C-alpha atoms as a PDB file:
ATOM      1  CA  MET A   1      -0.993  14.003 -50.368  1.00  0.00           C
ATOM      2  CA  ASN A   2       1.826  16.212 -49.045  1.00  0.00           C
ATOM      3  CA  ARG A   3       3.639  15.781 -45.754  1.00  0.00           C
ATOM      4  CA  GLU A   4       1.924  18.768 -44.119  1.00  0.00           C
ATOM      5  CA  LEU A   5      -1.502  17.297 -44.823  1.00  0.00           C
ATOM      6  CA  LEU A   6      -0.419  13.923 -43.513  1.00  0.00           C
ATOM      7  CA  SER A   7       0.880  15.599 -40.366  1.00  0.00           C
ATOM      8  CA  ARG A   8      -2.384  17.443 -39.823  1.00  0.00           C
ATOM      9  CA  ILE A   9      -4.444  14.299 -40.315  1.00  0.00           C
ATOM     10  CA  ALA A  10      -2.285  12.375 -37.855  1.00  0.00           C
ATOM     11  CA  GLU A  11      -2.609  15.106 -35.229  1.00  0.00           C
ATOM     12  CA  THR A  12      -6.353  15.350 -35.751  1.00  0.00           C
ATOM     13  CA  LEU A  13      -6.810  11.623 -35.193  1.00  0.00           C
ATOM     14  CA  TYR A  14      -4.532  11.673 -32.156  1.00  0.00           C
ATOM     15  CA  TRP A  15      -6.535  14.455 -30.521  1.00  0.00           C
ATOM     16  CA  ILE A  16      -9.835  12.786 -31.308  1.00  0.00           C
ATOM     17  CA  GLY A  17      -8.608   9.874 -29.206  1.00  0.00           C
ATOM     18  CA  ARG A  18      -7.486  12.169 -26.404  1.00  0.00           C
ATOM     19  CA  TYR A  19     -10.629  14.329 -26.346  1.00  0.00           C
ATOM     20  CA  VAL A  20     -13.040  11.379 -26.302  1.00  0.00           C
ATOM     21  CA  GLU A  21     -11.077   9.719 -23.515  1.00  0.00           C
ATOM     22  CA  ARG A  22     -10.905  13.015 -21.611  1.00  0.00           C
ATOM     23  CA  ALA A  23     -14.674  13.493 -21.822  1.00  0.00           C
ATOM     24  CA  ASP A  24     -15.172   9.942 -20.564  1.00  0.00           C
ATOM     25  CA  ASP A  25     -12.704  10.404 -17.689  1.00  0.00           C
ATOM     26  CA  ILE A  26     -14.192  13.727 -16.582  1.00  0.00           C
ATOM     27  CA  ALA A  27     -17.688  12.232 -16.671  1.00  0.00           C
ATOM     28  CA  ARG A  28     -16.584   9.302 -14.496  1.00  0.00           C
ATOM     29  CA  LEU A  29     -14.795  11.563 -12.042  1.00  0.00           C
ATOM     30  CA  LEU A  30     -17.603  14.106 -11.848  1.00  0.00           C
ATOM     31  CA  ASP A  31     -20.285  11.438 -11.428  1.00  0.00           C
ATOM     32  CA  VAL A  32     -18.511   9.990  -8.403  1.00  0.00           C
ATOM     33  CA  ALA A  33     -17.636  13.413  -6.957  1.00  0.00           C
ATOM     34  CA  LEU A  34     -21.266  14.547  -7.143  1.00  0.00           C
ATOM     35  CA  ARG A  35     -22.446  11.456  -5.319  1.00  0.00           C
ATOM     36  CA  ARG A  36     -19.795  12.044  -2.674  1.00  0.00           C
ATOM     37  CA  SER A  37     -20.768  15.710  -2.313  1.00  0.00           C
ATOM     38  CA  LEU A  38     -24.340  14.706  -1.525  1.00  0.00           C
ATOM     39  CA  ALA A  39     -22.969  12.625   1.336  1.00  0.00           C
ATOM     40  CA  GLY A  40     -20.759  15.504   2.514  1.00  0.00           C
ATOM     41  CA  GLU A  41     -17.533  13.685   1.576  1.00  0.00           C
ATOM     42  CA  GLU A  42     -16.397  15.881  -1.328  1.00  0.00           C
ATOM     43  CA  ASP A  43     -16.263  19.664  -1.777  1.00  0.00           C
ATOM     44  CA  GLY A  44     -15.087  19.756  -5.380  1.00  0.00           C
ATOM     45  CA  SER A  45     -11.598  21.110  -4.731  1.00  0.00           C
ATOM     46  CA  ALA A  46      -9.912  17.781  -5.518  1.00  0.00           C
ATOM     47  CA  VAL A  47     -11.840  17.471  -8.780  1.00  0.00           C
ATOM     48  CA  PHE A  48     -10.694  20.872 -10.014  1.00  0.00           C
ATOM     49  CA  ALA A  49      -7.135  20.098  -8.887  1.00  0.00           C
ATOM     50  CA  ILE A  50      -7.086  16.819 -10.827  1.00  0.00           C
ATOM     51  CA  LEU A  51      -8.046  18.636 -14.002  1.00  0.00           C
ATOM     52  CA  GLY A  52      -5.609  21.485 -13.410  1.00  0.00           C
ATOM     53  CA  HIS A  53      -8.590  23.829 -13.378  1.00  0.00           C
ATOM     54  CA  PRO A  54      -8.345  27.207 -11.557  1.00  0.00           C
ATOM     55  CA  GLY A  55     -11.928  26.949 -10.335  1.00  0.00           C
ATOM     56  CA  GLU A  56     -14.351  29.850 -10.069  1.00  0.00           C
ATOM     57  CA  PRO A  57     -12.606  33.192 -10.753  1.00  0.00           C
ATOM     58  CA  GLY A  58     -12.467  35.450  -7.693  1.00  0.00           C
ATOM     59  CA  ASP A  59     -14.035  32.862  -5.386  1.00  0.00           C
ATOM     60  CA  SER A  60     -11.791  31.255  -2.754  1.00  0.00           C
ATOM     61  CA  ARG A  61     -14.525  29.009  -1.420  1.00  0.00           C
ATOM     62  CA  PRO A  62     -14.572  25.295  -2.342  1.00  0.00           C
ATOM     63  CA  PRO A  63     -16.509  24.683  -5.573  1.00  0.00           C
ATOM     64  CA  THR A  64     -20.094  23.601  -5.050  1.00  0.00           C
ATOM     65  CA  ALA A  65     -21.796  20.760  -6.884  1.00  0.00           C
ATOM     66  CA  GLU A  66     -23.561  23.308  -9.090  1.00  0.00           C
ATOM     67  CA  THR A  67     -20.240  24.937  -9.981  1.00  0.00           C
ATOM     68  CA  MET A  68     -18.696  21.585 -10.852  1.00  0.00           C
ATOM     69  CA  VAL A  69     -21.553  20.672 -13.156  1.00  0.00           C
ATOM     70  CA  ARG A  70     -21.712  24.070 -14.835  1.00  0.00           C
ATOM     71  CA  ARG A  71     -17.964  24.470 -15.399  1.00  0.00           C
ATOM     72  CA  LEU A  72     -16.855  20.860 -15.920  1.00  0.00           C
ATOM     73  CA  ALA A  73     -19.866  19.349 -17.684  1.00  0.00           C
ATOM     74  CA  TYR A  74     -22.013  21.885 -19.535  1.00  0.00           C
ATOM     75  CA  ASP A  75     -19.706  24.755 -20.569  1.00  0.00           C
ATOM     76  CA  ALA A  76     -18.850  24.083 -24.232  1.00  0.00           C
ATOM     77  CA  GLY A  77     -16.524  27.079 -24.274  1.00  0.00           C
ATOM     78  CA  GLU A  78     -14.335  25.569 -21.557  1.00  0.00           C
ATOM     79  CA  PRO A  79     -11.685  23.271 -23.102  1.00  0.00           C
ATOM     80  CA  SER A  80     -11.389  21.171 -19.944  1.00  0.00           C
ATOM     81  CA  SER A  81     -15.138  20.489 -19.716  1.00  0.00           C
ATOM     82  CA  ILE A  82     -17.051  17.503 -21.039  1.00  0.00           C
ATOM     83  CA  ALA A  83     -18.995  19.573 -23.564  1.00  0.00           C
ATOM     84  CA  GLY A  84     -15.780  21.279 -24.673  1.00  0.00           C
ATOM     85  CA  CYS A  85     -14.067  17.939 -25.242  1.00  0.00           C
ATOM     86  CA  VAL A  86     -17.024  16.513 -27.175  1.00  0.00           C
ATOM     87  CA  ARG A  87     -17.151  19.657 -29.290  1.00  0.00           C
ATOM     88  CA  ALA A  88     -13.411  19.467 -30.040  1.00  0.00           C
ATOM     89  CA  ALA A  89     -13.586  15.750 -30.879  1.00  0.00           C
ATOM     90  CA  ARG A  90     -16.508  16.311 -33.220  1.00  0.00           C
ATOM     91  CA  GLU A  91     -14.854  19.271 -34.966  1.00  0.00           C
ATOM     92  CA  ASN A  92     -11.681  17.266 -35.444  1.00  0.00           C
ATOM     93  CA  ALA A  93     -13.634  14.285 -36.763  1.00  0.00           C
ATOM     94  CA  ARG A  94     -15.455  16.460 -39.287  1.00  0.00           C
ATOM     95  CA  GLY A  95     -12.119  17.234 -40.908  1.00  0.00           C
ATOM     96  CA  VAL A  96     -11.145  13.571 -41.322  1.00  0.00           C
ATOM     97  CA  ARG A  97     -14.460  12.016 -42.317  1.00  0.00           C
ATOM     98  CA  ASP A  98     -12.749  10.238 -45.192  1.00  0.00           C
ATOM     99  CA  ILE A  99     -10.253   8.634 -42.775  1.00  0.00           C
ATOM    100  CA  ILE A 100     -12.411   7.425 -39.900  1.00  0.00           C
ATOM    101  CA  SER A 101     -15.400   5.161 -40.479  1.00  0.00           C
ATOM    102  CA  SER A 102     -18.811   6.698 -41.120  1.00  0.00           C
ATOM    103  CA  GLU A 103     -20.132   4.975 -37.997  1.00  0.00           C
ATOM    104  CA  ALA A 104     -17.441   6.585 -35.823  1.00  0.00           C
ATOM    105  CA  TRP A 105     -18.137  10.023 -37.345  1.00  0.00           C
ATOM    106  CA  GLU A 106     -21.886   9.663 -36.877  1.00  0.00           C
ATOM    107  CA  CYS A 107     -21.357   8.680 -33.249  1.00  0.00           C
ATOM    108  CA  LEU A 108     -19.480  11.893 -32.471  1.00  0.00           C
ATOM    109  CA  ASN A 109     -21.781  14.063 -34.579  1.00  0.00           C
ATOM    110  CA  VAL A 110     -24.948  12.701 -32.991  1.00  0.00           C
ATOM    111  CA  THR A 111     -23.406  12.952 -29.514  1.00  0.00           C
ATOM    112  CA  TRP A 112     -22.631  16.649 -29.976  1.00  0.00           C
ATOM    113  CA  ASN A 113     -26.023  17.466 -31.489  1.00  0.00           C
ATOM    114  CA  GLU A 114     -27.895  15.638 -28.734  1.00  0.00           C
ATOM    115  CA  LEU A 115     -25.975  17.191 -25.838  1.00  0.00           C
ATOM    116  CA  PRO A 116     -28.405  20.157 -25.449  1.00  0.00           C
ATOM    117  CA  VAL A 117     -31.351  17.752 -25.265  1.00  0.00           C
ATOM    118  CA  VAL A 118     -29.588  15.542 -22.745  1.00  0.00           C
ATOM    119  CA  ARG A 119     -28.633  18.598 -20.727  1.00  0.00           C
ATOM    120  CA  GLY A 120     -32.280  19.614 -20.600  1.00  0.00           C
ATOM    121  CA  ASP A 121     -33.174  16.160 -19.287  1.00  0.00           C
ATOM    122  CA  ALA A 122     -30.343  16.391 -16.761  1.00  0.00           C
ATOM    123  CA  GLU A 123     -31.570  19.737 -15.461  1.00  0.00           C
ATOM    124  CA  ARG A 124     -34.900  18.067 -14.671  1.00  0.00           C
ATOM    125  CA  LEU A 125     -33.688  14.649 -13.525  1.00  0.00           C
ATOM    126  CA  GLY A 126     -30.174  15.332 -12.260  1.00  0.00           C
ATOM    127  CA  PRO A 127     -26.687  15.609 -13.807  1.00  0.00           C
ATOM    128  CA  HIS A 128     -26.069  11.860 -13.676  1.00  0.00           C
ATOM    129  CA  VAL A 129     -28.280  11.544 -16.776  1.00  0.00           C
ATOM    130  CA  PHE A 130     -25.845  13.736 -18.705  1.00  0.00           C
ATOM    131  CA  LEU A 131     -22.754  12.008 -17.320  1.00  0.00           C
ATOM    132  CA  ARG A 132     -24.050   8.515 -18.029  1.00  0.00           C
ATOM    133  CA  TYR A 133     -24.877   9.523 -21.595  1.00  0.00           C
ATOM    134  CA  VAL A 134     -21.349  10.823 -22.181  1.00  0.00           C
ATOM    135  CA  ARG A 135     -19.756   7.663 -20.771  1.00  0.00           C
ATOM    136  CA  GLU A 136     -21.929   5.462 -22.951  1.00  0.00           C
ATOM    137  CA  ARG A 137     -21.221   7.493 -26.091  1.00  0.00           C
ATOM    138  CA  ALA A 138     -17.476   7.507 -25.421  1.00  0.00           C
ATOM    139  CA  ALA A 139     -17.570   3.733 -25.063  1.00  0.00           C
ATOM    140  CA  MET A 140     -19.599   3.513 -28.270  1.00  0.00           C
ATOM    141  CA  PHE A 141     -17.066   5.599 -30.193  1.00  0.00           C
ATOM    142  CA  SER A 142     -14.153   3.490 -28.970  1.00  0.00           C
ATOM    143  CA  GLY A 143     -16.008   0.309 -29.835  1.00  0.00           C
ATOM    144  CA  LEU A 144     -16.947   1.568 -33.291  1.00  0.00           C
ATOM    145  CA  ALA A 145     -13.402   2.734 -34.000  1.00  0.00           C
ATOM    146  CA  ASP A 146     -12.047  -0.665 -32.984  1.00  0.00           C
ATOM    147  CA  ALA A 147     -14.725  -2.588 -34.896  1.00  0.00           C
ATOM    148  CA  THR A 148     -14.999  -0.586 -38.131  1.00  0.00           C
ATOM    149  CA  MET A 149     -11.541   0.891 -38.817  1.00  0.00           C
ATOM    150  CA  SER A 150      -8.621  -0.932 -40.373  1.00  0.00           C
ATOM    151  CA  ARG A 151      -5.656  -1.430 -38.069  1.00  0.00           C
ATOM    152  CA  ASP A 152      -3.663   1.156 -39.989  1.00  0.00           C
ATOM    153  CA  ASP A 153      -1.848   4.304 -38.884  1.00  0.00           C
ATOM    154  CA  GLY A 154      -5.099   6.282 -38.623  1.00  0.00           C
ATOM    155  CA  TRP A 155      -6.513   3.877 -36.066  1.00  0.00           C
ATOM    156  CA  ARG A 156      -3.153   3.725 -34.262  1.00  0.00           C
ATOM    157  CA  PHE A 157      -3.095   7.510 -33.757  1.00  0.00           C
ATOM    158  CA  ILE A 158      -6.571   7.373 -32.195  1.00  0.00           C
ATOM    159  CA  VAL A 159      -5.513   4.574 -29.836  1.00  0.00           C
ATOM    160  CA  LEU A 160      -2.243   6.359 -29.081  1.00  0.00           C
ATOM    161  CA  GLY A 161      -4.079   9.505 -27.993  1.00  0.00           C
ATOM    162  CA  ARG A 162      -6.586   7.523 -25.966  1.00  0.00           C
ATOM    163  CA  SER A 163      -3.886   5.539 -24.164  1.00  0.00           C
ATOM    164  CA  LEU A 164      -1.722   8.545 -23.284  1.00  0.00           C
ATOM    165  CA  GLU A 165      -4.766  10.422 -21.979  1.00  0.00           C
ATOM    166  CA  ARG A 166      -5.780   7.429 -19.865  1.00  0.00           C
ATOM    167  CA  ALA A 167      -2.317   7.096 -18.315  1.00  0.00           C
ATOM    168  CA  ASP A 168      -2.280  10.830 -17.632  1.00  0.00           C
ATOM    169  CA  MET A 169      -5.694  10.916 -15.973  1.00  0.00           C
ATOM    170  CA  THR A 170      -5.081   7.864 -13.798  1.00  0.00           C
ATOM    171  CA  SER A 171      -1.804   9.349 -12.574  1.00  0.00           C
ATOM    172  CA  ARG A 172      -3.592  12.650 -11.827  1.00  0.00           C
ATOM    173  CA  LEU A 173      -6.220  10.835  -9.809  1.00  0.00           C
ATOM    174  CA  LEU A 174      -3.613   8.924  -7.838  1.00  0.00           C
ATOM    175  CA  ALA A 175      -1.512  12.042  -7.212  1.00  0.00           C
ATOM    176  CA  VAL A 176      -4.314  14.303  -6.009  1.00  0.00           C
ATOM    177  CA  TYR A 177      -6.059  11.710  -3.871  1.00  0.00           C
ATOM    178  CA  HIS A 178      -2.782  10.534  -2.365  1.00  0.00           C
ATOM    179  CA  SER A 179      -2.119  14.105  -1.217  1.00  0.00           C
ATOM    180  CA  SER A 180      -5.696  14.749  -0.054  1.00  0.00           C
ATOM    181  CA  VAL A 181      -5.896  12.201   2.778  1.00  0.00           C
ATOM    182  CA  ALA A 182      -4.308  12.593   6.174  1.00  0.00           C
ATOM    183  CA  ASP A 183      -2.795   9.105   6.042  1.00  0.00           C
ATOM    184  CA  PRO A 184      -2.277   7.952   2.429  1.00  0.00           C
ATOM    185  CA  SER A 185      -1.312   4.468   3.623  1.00  0.00           C
ATOM    186  CA  ASP A 186      -4.677   3.952   5.342  1.00  0.00           C
ATOM    187  CA  PRO A 187      -6.535   1.448   3.101  1.00  0.00           C
ATOM    188  CA  ALA A 188      -9.797   2.109   4.935  1.00  0.00           C
ATOM    189  CA  SER A 189      -9.980   5.693   3.734  1.00  0.00           C
ATOM    190  CA  PRO A 190     -13.144   6.330   1.673  1.00  0.00           C
ATOM    191  CA  THR A 191     -10.929   8.303  -0.682  1.00  0.00           C
ATOM    192  CA  TRP A 192      -9.668   5.064  -2.203  1.00  0.00           C
ATOM    193  CA  ARG A 193     -13.199   3.917  -2.947  1.00  0.00           C
ATOM    194  CA  LEU A 194     -13.804   7.178  -4.774  1.00  0.00           C
ATOM    195  CA  LEU A 195     -10.572   6.644  -6.677  1.00  0.00           C
ATOM    196  CA  LEU A 196     -11.589   3.152  -7.792  1.00  0.00           C
ATOM    197  CA  GLU A 197     -15.033   4.291  -8.851  1.00  0.00           C
ATOM    198  CA  ALA A 198     -13.657   7.269 -10.776  1.00  0.00           C
ATOM    199  CA  CYS A 199     -11.359   4.899 -12.705  1.00  0.00           C
ATOM    200  CA  GLY A 200     -14.211   2.492 -13.427  1.00  0.00           C
ATOM    201  CA  ALA A 201     -12.233  -0.090 -11.470  1.00  0.00           C
ATOM    202  CA  ASP A 202     -14.345  -0.775  -8.395  1.00  0.00           C
ATOM    203  CA  GLU A 203     -16.064  -3.931  -9.624  1.00  0.00           C
ATOM    204  CA  SER A 204     -12.985  -5.433 -11.299  1.00  0.00           C
ATOM    205  CA  PHE A 205     -10.852  -4.707  -8.247  1.00  0.00           C
ATOM    206  CA  THR A 206     -13.377  -6.229  -5.857  1.00  0.00           C
ATOM    207  CA  ARG A 207     -13.761  -9.304  -8.032  1.00  0.00           C
ATOM    208  CA  ILE A 208     -10.015  -9.897  -8.313  1.00  0.00           C
ATOM    209  CA  HIS A 209      -8.707  -8.783  -4.917  1.00  0.00           C
ATOM    210  CA  ARG A 210     -11.833  -9.314  -2.793  1.00  0.00           C
ATOM    211  CA  GLY A 211     -11.810  -5.740  -1.569  1.00  0.00           C
ATOM    212  CA  ASP A 212      -8.245  -5.810  -0.199  1.00  0.00           C
ATOM    213  CA  ARG A 213      -7.649  -2.044  -0.033  1.00  0.00           C
ATOM    214  CA  ASP A 214      -3.913  -2.576   0.424  1.00  0.00           C
ATOM    215  CA  ARG A 215      -3.780  -3.464  -3.280  1.00  0.00           C
ATOM    216  CA  VAL A 216      -5.626  -0.465  -4.731  1.00  0.00           C
ATOM    217  CA  VAL A 217      -2.492   1.361  -5.884  1.00  0.00           C
ATOM    218  CA  GLU A 218      -0.967  -1.854  -7.186  1.00  0.00           C
ATOM    219  CA  PHE A 219      -4.098  -2.556  -9.241  1.00  0.00           C
ATOM    220  CA  LEU A 220      -4.390   0.915 -10.776  1.00  0.00           C
ATOM    221  CA  LEU A 221      -0.681   1.198 -11.534  1.00  0.00           C
ATOM    222  CA  LEU A 222       0.595  -2.299 -12.287  1.00  0.00           C
ATOM    223  CA  ASP A 223      -2.232  -4.588 -13.391  1.00  0.00           C
ATOM    224  CA  ARG A 224      -1.486  -5.772 -16.930  1.00  0.00           C
ATOM    225  CA  LEU A 225      -4.993  -6.961 -17.762  1.00  0.00           C
ATOM    226  CA  PHE A 226      -7.222  -4.117 -16.539  1.00  0.00           C
ATOM    227  CA  PRO A 227      -7.631  -1.745 -19.523  1.00  0.00           C
ATOM    228  CA  ARG A 228      -7.716   1.439 -17.457  1.00  0.00           C
ATOM    229  CA  SER A 229      -4.561   0.732 -15.451  1.00  0.00           C
ATOM    230  CA  VAL A 230      -1.426   2.794 -16.036  1.00  0.00           C
ATOM    231  CA  MET A 231       0.578  -0.300 -17.022  1.00  0.00           C
ATOM    232  CA  HIS A 232      -1.962  -1.329 -19.666  1.00  0.00           C
ATOM    233  CA  ALA A 233      -2.126   2.221 -21.055  1.00  0.00           C
ATOM    234  CA  LEU A 234       1.650   2.532 -21.224  1.00  0.00           C
ATOM    235  CA  THR A 235       2.031  -0.851 -22.888  1.00  0.00           C
ATOM    236  CA  THR A 236      -0.559   0.084 -25.508  1.00  0.00           C
ATOM    237  CA  THR A 237       1.131   3.458 -26.073  1.00  0.00           C
ATOM    238  CA  GLU A 238       4.502   1.807 -26.544  1.00  0.00           C
ATOM    239  CA  ARG A 239       3.067  -0.703 -29.004  1.00  0.00           C
ATOM    240  CA  CYS A 240       1.398   2.021 -31.073  1.00  0.00           C
ATOM    241  CA  LEU A 241       4.629   4.015 -31.228  1.00  0.00           C
ATOM    242  CA  ALA A 242       6.585   0.937 -32.303  1.00  0.00           C
ATOM    243  CA  GLU A 243       4.098   0.247 -35.102  1.00  0.00           C
ATOM    244  CA  LEU A 244       3.926   3.876 -36.235  1.00  0.00           C
ATOM    245  CA  ALA A 245       7.695   4.307 -36.441  1.00  0.00           C
ATOM    246  CA  PRO A 246       9.560   0.974 -36.240  1.00  0.00           C
ATOM    247  CA  TYR A 247      13.136   1.354 -35.080  1.00  0.00           C
ATOM    248  CA  LEU A 248      15.432  -1.016 -36.931  1.00  0.00           C
ATOM    249  CA  GLY A 249      18.799   0.125 -35.557  1.00  0.00           C
ATOM    250  CA  ARG A 250      21.207  -2.241 -33.875  1.00  0.00           C
ATOM    251  CA  ALA A 251      21.524  -0.362 -30.586  1.00  0.00           C
ATOM    252  CA  GLY A 252      19.790   2.281 -28.514  1.00  0.00           C
ATOM    253  CA  MET A 253      16.382   3.853 -28.972  1.00  0.00           C
ATOM    254  CA  ALA A 254      16.212   6.786 -31.358  1.00  0.00           C
ATOM    255  CA  ASP A 255      12.520   7.532 -30.697  1.00  0.00           C
ATOM    256  CA  PRO A 256      12.378   9.839 -27.635  1.00  0.00           C
ATOM    257  CA  ALA A 257       8.638   9.271 -27.126  1.00  0.00           C
ATOM    258  CA  ARG A 258       9.023   5.511 -27.082  1.00  0.00           C
ATOM    259  CA  ALA A 259      12.119   5.826 -24.880  1.00  0.00           C
ATOM    260  CA  ALA A 260      10.270   7.960 -22.307  1.00  0.00           C
ATOM    261  CA  ILE A 261       7.306   5.585 -22.160  1.00  0.00           C
ATOM    262  CA  GLY A 262       9.527   2.504 -22.160  1.00  0.00           C
ATOM    263  CA  ARG A 263      11.614   3.766 -19.240  1.00  0.00           C
ATOM    264  CA  ILE A 264       8.650   4.498 -16.989  1.00  0.00           C
ATOM    265  CA  ARG A 265       6.904   1.291 -18.035  1.00  0.00           C
ATOM    266  CA  THR A 266      10.024  -0.715 -17.134  1.00  0.00           C
ATOM    267  CA  THR A 267      10.330   1.126 -13.816  1.00  0.00           C
ATOM    268  CA  LEU A 268       6.753   0.238 -12.936  1.00  0.00           C
ATOM    269  CA  GLU A 269       7.111  -3.327 -14.143  1.00  0.00           C
ATOM    270  CA  TYR A 270      10.038  -4.017 -11.820  1.00  0.00           C
ATOM    271  CA  THR A 271       8.700  -2.129  -8.825  1.00  0.00           C
ATOM    272  CA  GLU A 272       7.742  -4.339  -5.916  1.00  0.00           C
ATOM    273  CA  ALA A 273       4.122  -3.896  -4.889  1.00  0.00           C
ATOM    274  CA  ASP A 274       5.151  -3.528  -1.234  1.00  0.00           C
ATOM    275  CA  ALA A 275       7.320  -0.534  -2.139  1.00  0.00           C
ATOM    276  CA  LEU A 276       4.534   1.379  -3.882  1.00  0.00           C
ATOM    277  CA  PRO A 277       3.020   3.286  -0.904  1.00  0.00           C
ATOM    278  CA  ALA A 278       6.339   4.777   0.221  1.00  0.00           C
ATOM    279  CA  GLY A 279       7.568   5.562  -3.269  1.00  0.00           C
ATOM    280  CA  LEU A 280       4.275   6.686  -4.791  1.00  0.00           C
ATOM    281  CA  PRO A 281       4.991  10.457  -4.981  1.00  0.00           C
ATOM    282  CA  GLU A 282       8.279   9.859  -6.824  1.00  0.00           C
ATOM    283  CA  ILE A 283       6.697   7.285  -9.140  1.00  0.00           C
ATOM    284  CA  LEU A 284       3.801   9.575 -10.031  1.00  0.00           C
ATOM    285  CA  SER A 285       6.136  12.512 -10.610  1.00  0.00           C
ATOM    286  CA  ALA A 286       8.251  10.385 -12.949  1.00  0.00           C
ATOM    287  CA  LEU A 287       5.092   9.169 -14.699  1.00  0.00           C
ATOM    288  CA  GLN A 288       3.844  12.710 -15.302  1.00  0.00           C
ATOM    289  CA  GLU A 289       7.250  13.737 -16.617  1.00  0.00           C
ATOM    290  CA  ALA A 290       7.285  10.743 -18.966  1.00  0.00           C
ATOM    291  CA  VAL A 291       3.820  11.516 -20.340  1.00  0.00           C
ATOM    292  CA  THR A 292       4.777  15.165 -20.827  1.00  0.00           C
ATOM    293  CA  ALA A 293       8.025  14.192 -22.558  1.00  0.00           C
ATOM    294  CA  ALA A 294       6.246  11.666 -24.772  1.00  0.00           C
ATOM    295  CA  THR A 295       3.587  14.208 -25.728  1.00  0.00           C
ATOM    296  CA  GLY A 296       6.220  16.713 -26.762  1.00  0.00           C
ATOM    297  CA  ALA A 297       8.234  14.095 -28.642  1.00  0.00           C
ATOM    298  CA  ILE A 298       5.162  12.828 -30.497  1.00  0.00           C
ATOM    299  CA  THR A 299       4.321  16.396 -31.487  1.00  0.00           C
ATOM    300  CA  GLY A 300       7.853  17.044 -32.671  1.00  0.00           C
ATOM    301  CA  ARG A 301       8.046  13.866 -34.701  1.00  0.00           C
ATOM    302  CA  PHE A 302       4.584  13.581 -36.214  1.00  0.00           C
ATOM    303  CA  PHE A 303       2.899  17.003 -35.857  1.00  0.00           C
ATOM    304  CA  GLN A 304       5.615  19.457 -36.751  1.00  0.00           C
ATOM    305  CA  HIS A 305       3.329  22.284 -37.826  1.00  0.00           C
ATOM    306  CA  THR A 306       2.022  23.229 -34.374  1.00  0.00           C
ATOM    307  CA  ALA A 307       2.585  23.030 -30.634  1.00  0.00           C
ATOM    308  CA  PRO A 308       0.779  20.405 -28.560  1.00  0.00           C
ATOM    309  CA  ALA A 309      -2.607  21.245 -27.102  1.00  0.00           C
ATOM    310  CA  GLY A 310      -3.018  20.601 -23.409  1.00  0.00           C
ATOM    311  CA  TRP A 311      -4.890  20.947 -20.196  1.00  0.00           C
ATOM    312  CA  VAL A 312      -5.866  24.328 -18.863  1.00  0.00           C
ATOM    313  CA  ARG A 313      -2.905  25.381 -16.757  1.00  0.00           C
ATOM    314  CA  GLY A 314      -3.111  26.571 -13.210  1.00  0.00           C
ATOM    315  CA  GLY A 315      -4.676  25.174 -10.087  1.00  0.00           C
ATOM    316  CA  SER A 316      -2.473  22.111  -9.742  1.00  0.00           C
ATOM    317  CA  ALA A 317       1.128  21.032  -9.911  1.00  0.00           C
ATOM    318  CA  TRP A 318      -0.087  18.159 -12.053  1.00  0.00           C
ATOM    319  CA  ALA A 319      -1.438  20.332 -14.896  1.00  0.00           C
ATOM    320  CA  GLY A 320       1.548  19.585 -17.066  1.00  0.00           C
ATOM    321  CA  VAL A 321       0.024  17.975 -20.173  1.00  0.00           C
END
């Protein structure tokens, strides 16, 4: 097998991990946003901003719930939609069926083929049917990949993509919602509840911190044990990079991707929780820059035949990856 083929396989696996995680994250975010819109607490603008999406062309009004569902859930031709991500993950997986397990391939293939049926059910019963299905199938794929694939480089590239995407999305959520409230330091703001629910963190946070809203940012950024926190995602990313390309030199860090992730992980690790509210914009900016730098470095080192794919640009200062 030549180097070019190896490079293409590695990139394919990496983007499978990112696309599945992206579909899961969008489904979580959209599910919460739709429930909030019914209560008059969400107009859809923040959701489109998080995803770096320009919204409805030629329409300056806030996106409606119907627009969110149509553009961000059902439109398979839109790369930043759920259907678009599932389609991309399935197409990528079809090209590496001899690398991933048959169970993982079948999960993605069945998910894509059943989406039209689930959409039909959702149009009768409500979009939450569609969103719940996507979340469950994303969790199934991750579980099958972890349970049925050897812990080799193929599996590591999937986990690497998943972890980087998770860190990116959580930082987007924190950035947009921090800027969307009149007083970001107010722990009573319902915005923080939406943020926890969109990250799948509401129950874990309540169980651990007894609903102390002053610790929301600390939990989502710094908690080492919660799998959807930024710290956990960065630690997993760093470990995958170390295993994919061990650095055996006596000094320094020659891997720019690992260096970028290691620097921001260390910054977060030694940041006092009390200093987070005041320094959050700078921390999130540095985090986005680190993820962008790591994505470019990973592409340059492992996927030399093409430029990195990314979010649809426009609509947000955070649409950098």
